[in-house]
C-alpha cells in the first residue's frame, strides 16, 4: 500500500536498513557462530519482516505516505 501511494524511498530505506542491520547479521550469528538449528537460523533471517511491519504500520497510520500523482 505504501509503494502504491508513492512512498517508495521510505520503503527502500526500510528494506535495506532492516535486512543489513538486523536479519543478515542475526542469521549469520545464529547459523555460523552458535551453530543453531536450521529452523532457528531461518527464523532469524526472517525477523526483519516483524520489525519492518511495526515501523511501516506506524508510517501507514500517520498518513505521511500519501503522495500527489502527477498526470503527464
PDB file of N, CA and C in Angstrom:
ATOM      1  N   UNK A   1       0.816  -1.173   0.000  1.00  0.00           N
ATOM      2  CA  UNK A   1       0.000   0.000   0.000  1.00  0.00           C
ATOM      3  C   UNK A   1       0.871   1.253   0.000  1.00  0.00           C
ATOM      4  N   UNK A   2       1.957   1.219   0.751  1.00  0.00           N
ATOM      5  CA  UNK A   2       2.833   2.382   0.797  1.00  0.00           C
ATOM      6  C   UNK A   2       3.507   2.626  -0.551  1.00  0.00           C
ATOM      7  N   UNK A   3       3.906   1.556  -1.232  1.00  0.00           N
ATOM      8  CA  UNK A   3       4.522   1.715  -2.553  1.00  0.00           C
ATOM      9  C   UNK A   3       3.522   2.287  -3.538  1.00  0.00           C
ATOM     10  N   UNK A   4       2.290   1.837  -3.484  1.00  0.00           N
ATOM     11  CA  UNK A   4       1.246   2.341  -4.378  1.00  0.00           C
ATOM     12  C   UNK A   4       0.924   3.800  -4.112  1.00  0.00           C
ATOM     13  N   UNK A   5       1.139   4.246  -2.902  1.00  0.00           N
ATOM     14  CA  UNK A   5       0.893   5.635  -2.551  1.00  0.00           C
ATOM     15  C   UNK A   5       2.046   6.547  -2.895  1.00  0.00           C
ATOM     16  N   UNK A   6       3.136   6.006  -3.399  1.00  0.00           N
ATOM     17  CA  UNK A   6       4.263   6.825  -3.822  1.00  0.00           C
ATOM     18  C   UNK A   6       5.385   6.950  -2.819  1.00  0.00           C
ATOM     19  N   UNK A   7       5.334   6.207  -1.741  1.00  0.00           N
ATOM     20  CA  UNK A   7       6.361   6.316  -0.698  1.00  0.00           C
ATOM     21  C   UNK A   7       7.434   5.242  -0.889  1.00  0.00           C
ATOM     22  N   UNK A   8       8.009   5.191  -2.077  1.00  0.00           N
ATOM     23  CA  UNK A   8       8.967   4.141  -2.392  1.00  0.00           C
ATOM     24  C   UNK A   8      10.323   4.360  -1.737  1.00  0.00           C
ATOM     25  N   UNK A   9      10.736   5.599  -1.552  1.00  0.00           N
ATOM     26  CA  UNK A   9      12.031   5.859  -0.914  1.00  0.00           C
ATOM     27  C   UNK A   9      12.041   5.387   0.535  1.00  0.00           C
ATOM     28  N   UNK A  10      10.955   5.620   1.236  1.00  0.00           N
ATOM     29  CA  UNK A  10      10.845   5.180   2.620  1.00  0.00           C
ATOM     30  C   UNK A  10      10.949   3.660   2.708  1.00  0.00           C
ATOM     31  N   UNK A  11      10.259   2.960   1.818  1.00  0.00           N
ATOM     32  CA  UNK A  11      10.289   1.507   1.853  1.00  0.00           C
ATOM     33  C   UNK A  11      11.632   0.946   1.411  1.00  0.00           C
ATOM     34  N   UNK A  12      12.301   1.617   0.490  1.00  0.00           N
ATOM     35  CA  UNK A  12      13.633   1.176   0.096  1.00  0.00           C
ATOM     36  C   UNK A  12      14.588   1.281   1.285  1.00  0.00           C
ATOM     37  N   UNK A  13      14.507   2.384   2.008  1.00  0.00           N
ATOM     38  CA  UNK A  13      15.341   2.564   3.197  1.00  0.00           C
ATOM     39  C   UNK A  13      15.014   1.521   4.257  1.00  0.00           C
ATOM     40  N   UNK A  14      13.734   1.229   4.446  1.00  0.00           N
ATOM     41  CA  UNK A  14      13.324   0.230   5.435  1.00  0.00           C
ATOM     42  C   UNK A  14      13.827  -1.150   5.048  1.00  0.00           C
ATOM     43  N   UNK A  15      13.708  -1.510   3.765  1.00  0.00           N
ATOM     44  CA  UNK A  15      14.180  -2.814   3.303  1.00  0.00           C
ATOM     45  C   UNK A  15      15.679  -2.967   3.515  1.00  0.00           C
ATOM     46  N   UNK A  16      16.438  -1.983   3.107  1.00  0.00           N
ATOM     47  CA  UNK A  16      17.897  -2.056   3.225  1.00  0.00           C
ATOM     48  C   UNK A  16      18.337  -2.026   4.689  1.00  0.00           C
ATOM     49  N   UNK A  17      17.754  -1.134   5.452  1.00  0.00           N
ATOM     50  CA  UNK A  17      18.133  -0.975   6.852  1.00  0.00           C
ATOM     51  C   UNK A  17      17.915  -2.254   7.653  1.00  0.00           C
ATOM     52  N   UNK A  18      16.719  -2.802   7.579  1.00  0.00           N
ATOM     53  CA  UNK A  18      16.412  -3.968   8.401  1.00  0.00           C
ATOM     54  C   UNK A  18      17.035  -5.251   7.859  1.00  0.00           C
ATOM     55  N   UNK A  19      17.252  -5.320   6.562  1.00  0.00           N
ATOM     56  CA  UNK A  19      17.895  -6.505   6.006  1.00  0.00           C
ATOM     57  C   UNK A  19      19.353  -6.574   6.429  1.00  0.00           C
ATOM     58  N   UNK A  20      20.082  -5.455   6.281  1.00  0.00           N
ATOM     59  CA  UNK A  20      21.523  -5.473   6.535  1.00  0.00           C
ATOM     60  C   UNK A  20      21.897  -5.202   7.989  1.00  0.00           C
ATOM     61  N   UNK A  21      21.015  -4.624   8.774  1.00  0.00           N
ATOM     62  CA  UNK A  21      21.348  -4.361  10.174  1.00  0.00           C
ATOM     63  C   UNK A  21      20.709  -5.330  11.162  1.00  0.00           C
ATOM     64  N   UNK A  22      19.693  -6.068  10.720  1.00  0.00           N
ATOM     65  CA  UNK A  22      19.035  -6.993  11.647  1.00  0.00           C
ATOM     66  C   UNK A  22      19.063  -8.432  11.140  1.00  0.00           C
ATOM     67  N   UNK A  23      18.518  -8.659   9.980  1.00  0.00           N
ATOM     68  CA  UNK A  23      18.290 -10.013   9.516  1.00  0.00           C
ATOM     69  C   UNK A  23      19.574 -10.773   9.179  1.00  0.00           C
ATOM     70  N   UNK A  24      20.398 -10.237   8.318  1.00  0.00           N
ATOM     71  CA  UNK A  24      21.613 -10.945   7.894  1.00  0.00           C
ATOM     72  C   UNK A  24      22.618 -11.119   9.031  1.00  0.00           C
ATOM     73  N   UNK A  25      22.925 -10.079   9.821  1.00  0.00           N
ATOM     74  CA  UNK A  25      23.860 -10.318  10.935  1.00  0.00           C
ATOM     75  C   UNK A  25      23.328 -11.314  11.973  1.00  0.00           C
ATOM     76  N   UNK A  26      22.032 -11.242  12.264  1.00  0.00           N
ATOM     77  CA  UNK A  26      21.468 -12.171  13.246  1.00  0.00           C
ATOM     78  C   UNK A  26      21.473 -13.601  12.714  1.00  0.00           C
ATOM     79  N   UNK A  27      21.124 -13.774  11.440  1.00  0.00           N
ATOM     80  CA  UNK A  27      21.157 -15.107  10.843  1.00  0.00           C
ATOM     81  C   UNK A  27      22.563 -15.680  10.785  1.00  0.00           C
ATOM     82  N   UNK A  28      23.533 -14.844  10.440  1.00  0.00           N
ATOM     83  CA  UNK A  28      24.924 -15.306  10.396  1.00  0.00           C
ATOM     84  C   UNK A  28      25.424 -15.655  11.795  1.00  0.00           C
ATOM     85  N   UNK A  29      25.042 -14.867  12.763  1.00  0.00           N
ATOM     86  CA  UNK A  29      25.458 -15.124  14.135  1.00  0.00           C
ATOM     87  C   UNK A  29      24.903 -16.450  14.644  1.00  0.00           C
ATOM     88  N   UNK A  30      23.621 -16.659  14.433  1.00  0.00           N
ATOM     89  CA  UNK A  30      22.994 -17.895  14.921  1.00  0.00           C
ATOM     90  C   UNK A  30      23.473 -19.104  14.136  1.00  0.00           C
ATOM     91  N   UNK A  31      23.572 -18.977  12.811  1.00  0.00           N
ATOM     92  CA  UNK A  31      23.928 -20.125  11.993  1.00  0.00           C
ATOM     93  C   UNK A  31      25.404 -20.455  11.983  1.00  0.00           C
ATOM     94  N   UNK A  32      26.250 -19.449  11.869  1.00  0.00           N
ATOM     95  CA  UNK A  32      27.677 -19.711  11.705  1.00  0.00           C
ATOM     96  C   UNK A  32      28.472 -19.683  13.009  1.00  0.00           C
ATOM     97  N   UNK A  33      28.077 -18.835  13.927  1.00  0.00           N
ATOM     98  CA  UNK A  33      28.837 -18.709  15.181  1.00  0.00           C
ATOM     99  C   UNK A  33      28.312 -19.678  16.242  1.00  0.00           C
ATOM    100  N   UNK A  34      26.988 -19.659  16.462  1.00  0.00           N
ATOM    101  CA  UNK A  34      26.418 -20.501  17.512  1.00  0.00           C
ATOM    102  C   UNK A  34      25.964 -21.870  17.012  1.00  0.00           C
ATOM    103  N   UNK A  35      26.042 -22.117  15.709  1.00  0.00           N
ATOM    104  CA  UNK A  35      25.653 -23.396  15.101  1.00  0.00           C
ATOM    105  C   UNK A  35      24.251 -23.815  15.525  1.00  0.00           C
ATOM    106  N   UNK A  36      23.332 -22.860  15.418  1.00  0.00           N
ATOM    107  CA  UNK A  36      21.945 -23.142  15.769  1.00  0.00           C
ATOM    108  C   UNK A  36      21.271 -24.019  14.735  1.00  0.00           C
ATOM    109  N   UNK A  37      20.129 -24.582  15.085  1.00  0.00           N
ATOM    110  CA  UNK A  37      19.404 -25.430  14.130  1.00  0.00           C
ATOM    111  C   UNK A  37      18.893 -24.599  12.940  1.00  0.00           C
ATOM    112  N   UNK A  38      18.578 -25.305  11.863  1.00  0.00           N
ATOM    113  CA  UNK A  38      18.169 -24.630  10.630  1.00  0.00           C
ATOM    114  C   UNK A  38      16.895 -23.808  10.817  1.00  0.00           C
ATOM    115  N   UNK A  39      15.943 -24.317  11.600  1.00  0.00           N
ATOM    116  CA  UNK A  39      14.692 -23.580  11.785  1.00  0.00           C
ATOM    117  C   UNK A  39      14.927 -22.268  12.530  1.00  0.00           C
ATOM    118  N   UNK A  40      15.842 -22.261  13.482  1.00  0.00           N
ATOM    119  CA  UNK A  40      16.139 -21.040  14.225  1.00  0.00           C
ATOM    120  C   UNK A  40      16.895 -20.031  13.362  1.00  0.00           C
ATOM    121  N   UNK A  41      17.787 -20.542  12.520  1.00  0.00           N
ATOM    122  CA  UNK A  41      18.509 -19.663  11.603  1.00  0.00           C
ATOM    123  C   UNK A  41      17.548 -19.014  10.616  1.00  0.00           C
ATOM    124  N   UNK A  42      16.609 -19.788  10.072  1.00  0.00           N
ATOM    125  CA  UNK A  42      15.611 -19.231   9.150  1.00  0.00           C
ATOM    126  C   UNK A  42      14.713 -18.223   9.857  1.00  0.00           C
ATOM    127  N   UNK A  43      14.368 -18.496  11.087  1.00  0.00           N
ATOM    128  CA  UNK A  43      13.557 -17.558  11.857  1.00  0.00           C
ATOM    129  C   UNK A  43      14.302 -16.240  12.043  1.00  0.00           C
ATOM    130  N   UNK A  44      15.582 -16.316  12.320  1.00  0.00           N
ATOM    131  CA  UNK A  44      16.392 -15.105  12.482  1.00  0.00           C
ATOM    132  C   UNK A  44      16.547 -14.345  11.167  1.00  0.00           C
ATOM    133  N   UNK A  45      16.596 -15.077  10.052  1.00  0.00           N
ATOM    134  CA  UNK A  45      16.698 -14.420   8.752  1.00  0.00           C
ATOM    135  C   UNK A  45      15.398 -13.732   8.350  1.00  0.00           C
ATOM    136  N   UNK A  46      14.302 -14.129   8.952  1.00  0.00           N
ATOM    137  CA  UNK A  46      13.004 -13.521   8.640  1.00  0.00           C
ATOM    138  C   UNK A  46      12.537 -12.523   9.695  1.00  0.00           C
ATOM    139  N   UNK A  47      13.360 -12.234  10.683  1.00  0.00           N
ATOM    140  CA  UNK A  47      12.964 -11.325  11.754  1.00  0.00           C
ATOM    141  C   UNK A  47      12.750  -9.897  11.240  1.00  0.00           C
ATOM    142  N   UNK A  48      13.351  -9.558  10.105  1.00  0.00           N
ATOM    143  CA  UNK A  48      13.183  -8.215   9.576  1.00  0.00           C
ATOM    144  C   UNK A  48      11.745  -7.929   9.178  1.00  0.00           C
ATOM    145  N   UNK A  49      10.972  -8.966   8.818  1.00  0.00           N
ATOM    146  CA  UNK A  49       9.577  -8.749   8.457  1.00  0.00           C
ATOM    147  C   UNK A  49       8.764  -8.252   9.646  1.00  0.00           C
ATOM    148  N   UNK A  50       9.046  -8.789  10.805  1.00  0.00           N
ATOM    149  CA  UNK A  50       8.324  -8.378  12.020  1.00  0.00           C
ATOM    150  C   UNK A  50       8.674  -6.936  12.379  1.00  0.00           C
ATOM    151  N   UNK A  51       9.956  -6.623  12.382  1.00  0.00           N
ATOM    152  CA  UNK A  51      10.403  -5.277  12.737  1.00  0.00           C
ATOM    153  C   UNK A  51       9.895  -4.260  11.713  1.00  0.00           C
ATOM    154  N   UNK A  52      10.008  -4.612  10.434  1.00  0.00           N
ATOM    155  CA  UNK A  52       9.585  -3.717   9.364  1.00  0.00           C
ATOM    156  C   UNK A  52       8.079  -3.486   9.404  1.00  0.00           C
ATOM    157  N   UNK A  53       7.318  -4.501   9.773  1.00  0.00           N
ATOM    158  CA  UNK A  53       5.869  -4.367   9.843  1.00  0.00           C
ATOM    159  C   UNK A  53       5.457  -3.324  10.871  1.00  0.00           C
ATOM    160  N   UNK A  54       6.076  -3.366  12.023  1.00  0.00           N
ATOM    161  CA  UNK A  54       5.744  -2.394  13.073  1.00  0.00           C
ATOM    162  C   UNK A  54       6.067  -0.978  12.605  1.00  0.00           C
ATOM    163  N   UNK A  55       7.237  -0.817  11.985  1.00  0.00           N
ATOM    164  CA  UNK A  55       7.659   0.506  11.525  1.00  0.00           C
ATOM    165  C   UNK A  55       6.775   1.022  10.388  1.00  0.00           C
ATOM    166  N   UNK A  56       6.419   0.137   9.461  1.00  0.00           N
ATOM    167  CA  UNK A  56       5.628   0.558   8.307  1.00  0.00           C
ATOM    168  C   UNK A  56       4.163   0.796   8.662  1.00  0.00           C
ATOM    169  N   UNK A  57       3.624   0.072   9.630  1.00  0.00           N
ATOM    170  CA  UNK A  57       2.258   0.326  10.062  1.00  0.00           C
ATOM    171  C   UNK A  57       2.159   1.698  10.720  1.00  0.00           C
ATOM    172  N   UNK A  58       3.169   2.090  11.470  1.00  0.00           N
ATOM    173  CA  UNK A  58       3.152   3.426  12.059  1.00  0.00           C
ATOM    174  C   UNK A  58       3.212   4.492  10.980  1.00  0.00           C
ATOM    175  N   UNK A  59       3.954   4.236   9.902  1.00  0.00           N
ATOM    176  CA  UNK A  59       4.004   5.159   8.764  1.00  0.00           C
ATOM    177  C   UNK A  59       2.653   5.204   8.049  1.00  0.00           C
ATOM    178  N   UNK A  60       2.019   4.061   7.918  1.00  0.00           N
ATOM    179  CA  UNK A  60       0.725   3.976   7.265  1.00  0.00           C
ATOM    180  C   UNK A  60      -0.329   4.760   8.040  1.00  0.00           C
ATOM    181  N   UNK A  61      -0.336   4.617   9.344  1.00  0.00           N
ATOM    182  CA  UNK A  61      -1.317   5.306  10.178  1.00  0.00           C
ATOM    183  C   UNK A  61      -1.082   6.807  10.248  1.00  0.00           C
ATOM    184  N   UNK A  62       0.165   7.246  10.030  1.00  0.00           N
ATOM    185  CA  UNK A  62       0.459   8.678  10.104  1.00  0.00           C
ATOM    186  C   UNK A  62      -0.071   9.442   8.897  1.00  0.00           C
ATOM    187  N   UNK A  63      -0.205   8.763   7.753  1.00  0.00           N
ATOM    188  CA  UNK A  63      -0.697   9.423   6.544  1.00  0.00           C
ATOM    189  C   UNK A  63       0.367  10.162   5.762  1.00  0.00           C
ATOM    190  N   UNK A  64       1.611  10.091   6.195  1.00  0.00           N
ATOM    191  CA  UNK A  64       2.699  10.786   5.506  1.00  0.00           C
ATOM    192  C   UNK A  64       3.081  10.121   4.189  1.00  0.00           C
ATOM    193  N   UNK A  65       2.581   8.930   3.942  1.00  0.00           N
ATOM    194  CA  UNK A  65       2.957   8.165   2.761  1.00  0.00           C
ATOM    195  C   UNK A  65       2.189   8.573   1.517  1.00  0.00           C
ATOM    196  N   UNK A  66       1.134   9.331   1.669  1.00  0.00           N
ATOM    197  CA  UNK A  66       0.293   9.705   0.530  1.00  0.00           C
ATOM    198  C   UNK A  66       0.985  10.808  -0.267  1.00  0.00           C
ATOM    199  N   UNK A  67       1.189  10.550  -1.556  1.00  0.00           N
ATOM    200  CA  UNK A  67       1.841  11.488  -2.445  1.00  0.00           C
ATOM    201  C   UNK A  67       0.893  11.890  -3.571  1.00  0.00           C
ATOM    202  N   UNK A  68       1.078  13.080  -4.072  1.00  0.00           N
ATOM    203  CA  UNK A  68       0.298  13.568  -5.205  1.00  0.00           C
ATOM    204  C   UNK A  68       0.802  12.879  -6.482  1.00  0.00           C
ATOM    205  N   UNK A  69      -0.118  12.352  -7.257  1.00  0.00           N
ATOM    206  CA  UNK A  69       0.235  11.693  -8.508  1.00  0.00           C
ATOM    207  C   UNK A  69       0.084  12.705  -9.633  1.00  0.00           C
ATOM    208  N   UNK A  70       1.168  12.889 -10.388  1.00  0.00           N
ATOM    209  CA  UNK A  70       1.109  13.867 -11.486  1.00  0.00           C
ATOM    210  C   UNK A  70       0.589  13.192 -12.744  1.00  0.00           C
ATOM    211  N   UNK A  71      -0.151  13.947 -13.540  1.00  0.00           N
ATOM    212  CA  UNK A  71      -0.682  13.433 -14.795  1.00  0.00           C
ATOM    213  C   UNK A  71       0.112  14.011 -15.939  1.00  0.00           C
ATOM    214  N   UNK A  72       0.902  13.195 -16.569  1.00  0.00           N
ATOM    215  CA  UNK A  72       1.683  13.669 -17.718  1.00  0.00           C
ATOM    216  C   UNK A  72       1.558  12.739 -18.871  1.00  0.00           C
TER     217      UNK A  72
END
